């Protein structure tokens, strides 16, 4: 699955952790300040 650069910038602004996969390698980008998101009930 691929996404444009705009989505990556949006996720960083929102304080979300980014998981990037390239071939057999996965990198994780963690923002300086994490934002808690509640999903569901």
Protein backbone atom coordinates (compact mmCIF):
# COMPACT_ATOMS: atom_id res chain seq x y z
CA UNK A 1 0.00 0.00 0.00
CA UNK A 2 1.43 3.39 -0.90
CA UNK A 3 0.39 6.88 0.07
CA UNK A 4 1.40 10.30 -1.13
CA UNK A 5 3.67 12.71 0.67
CA UNK A 6 0.66 14.73 1.79
CA UNK A 7 -0.62 11.92 3.98
CA UNK A 8 2.77 11.54 5.66
CA UNK A 9 2.87 15.27 6.48
CA UNK A 10 -0.71 15.09 7.79
CA UNK A 11 0.12 12.15 10.08
CA UNK A 12 3.18 13.94 11.45
CA UNK A 13 1.15 17.10 12.17
CA UNK A 14 -1.43 15.00 14.02
CA UNK A 15 1.25 13.35 16.17
CA UNK A 16 0.76 9.82 14.82
CA UNK A 17 3.37 7.06 14.64
CA UNK A 18 4.35 6.23 11.06
CA UNK A 19 5.21 2.68 9.99
CA UNK A 20 7.01 2.61 6.63
CA UNK A 21 7.61 -0.65 4.80
CA UNK A 22 10.08 -0.97 1.93
CA UNK A 23 10.81 -4.49 0.72
CA UNK A 24 11.67 -6.53 3.80
CA UNK A 25 12.48 -3.52 6.00
CA UNK A 26 10.07 -1.61 8.21
CA UNK A 27 10.97 1.72 9.80
CA UNK A 28 9.04 3.52 12.51
CA UNK A 29 8.87 7.30 12.86
CA UNK A 30 7.65 8.45 16.23
CA UNK A 31 6.72 12.11 16.74
CA UNK A 32 8.23 14.10 19.59
CA UNK A 33 4.80 14.37 21.19
CA UNK A 34 2.42 11.42 20.84
CA UNK A 35 -1.28 12.05 20.60
CA UNK A 36 -3.72 9.60 22.23
CA UNK A 37 -6.56 8.48 20.01
CA UNK A 38 -9.48 6.50 21.39
CA UNK A 39 -11.14 4.09 18.99
CA UNK A 40 -14.50 2.51 19.67
CA UNK A 41 -16.46 2.71 22.90
